[in-house]
Amino acid sequence: MLIACGDALIDFVPTRNAQGREAVMPAVGGSCLNVAIGMARLGAPTGFVGGISTDMFGRMIADHAAASNVDLNLATRSDHQTALAFVRIVAGESHYAFYDAGTATRNWTYRRGTIPFANVEAVHVGSTTLVNDQGAAETSALIADARASSTVSFDPNCRPNLVKDKPAYLARMAEFAGHADLVKMSDVDFAYLFGDEPYEQRANALLGQGTSLVVITRGNNGAIAWHAGAGQIEVAAPKVEVADTIGAGDSFQAALLFALHKQERIARKALKDINVDELRRALSFAANCAGLTCTRPGADPPWSREINWSW
């Protein structure tokens, strides 16, 4: 199976009421839960690892995950409240205000020995869980156990408004990237982490330390990837009518992992040996899934039946 470990929360996404005034609508979200939802909807056996509350919002999250065929047996349910995020769209980018102190996500702990990593092809981590010390430490412990048999996928999915000590955060993200086989980030995340450094320079540094695949997503400008064997590959973004971009990066990540799984190229050795055509096909599939997500509000990744794609 594939698993995603990290945040599960409720996004309050922008909308308009009948009088045309600004309003918000609750929608299940959280970057890592979105990735799990996306992989499961496309048809991969998928589990989620993280904290989910037993409160009203937590039940919304659990029901949504179950309806999308995500296995929650590895999740931790608690009576801590659900993390909430309020979203505003500014110049096409989603901006977030988080309310997550004392939440189920913040209080998640890794239960060593509970995850059958021998049966797990890939583990995805990232986002808000890695900002706080406890979440980062628990996730690091999970990765240490997973790496012996599972591919590690990482997306920092930075949330600058949660970061209190940027130098420490940058060092932490570098450490997670150093343990990952697949590193994907948006151009906005890249700028926050690395400033004006050329993409290729950072990608080559990551490949040099053992990462197999580095991907930068660039919104309407598509995605560009670097692989030690397949080289540099660029794919275009589909032309769509955008409702919002919430969850688009998570949908890309989920679809990329699913495509690698479908091609039997997700295992560490197989990923290192992927060829140009296979990688281009996986990236194009991911871009198309992300594009479809942008056509509807909130993080709502596509189902396999919505994607006209033959393998």
Foldseek 3Di string as FASTA:
>chain_A
DAEEEAAKAWEFEWDADPVRDIGTDTDIDDLRLLLQLLLLLAPDAYEYEAFAEPDPRSVVRVVSCVVSNYDDPRYHYDNFAGKYWYWDADPQDIAIDIDCPRHRRQPGAADPPPDPLQPYAEYEYEDPLCQDPRSVVRVVVVLVVNLVWYAYEYEHNDRVVSHDDLVVSLVSVVVSLLSHQEYEYEPVVCCSNPNPPDPVVVQVVSVVSPHAKYKYQYPQAFIWMAGPAAGIDTDGADDDDFPGQAQLVSQLSSQLCSLCVVVVQRHNVSSNVDHNVSNNVSRNRSRPQSRVCRRDDHSDTHGSVVDPDDD
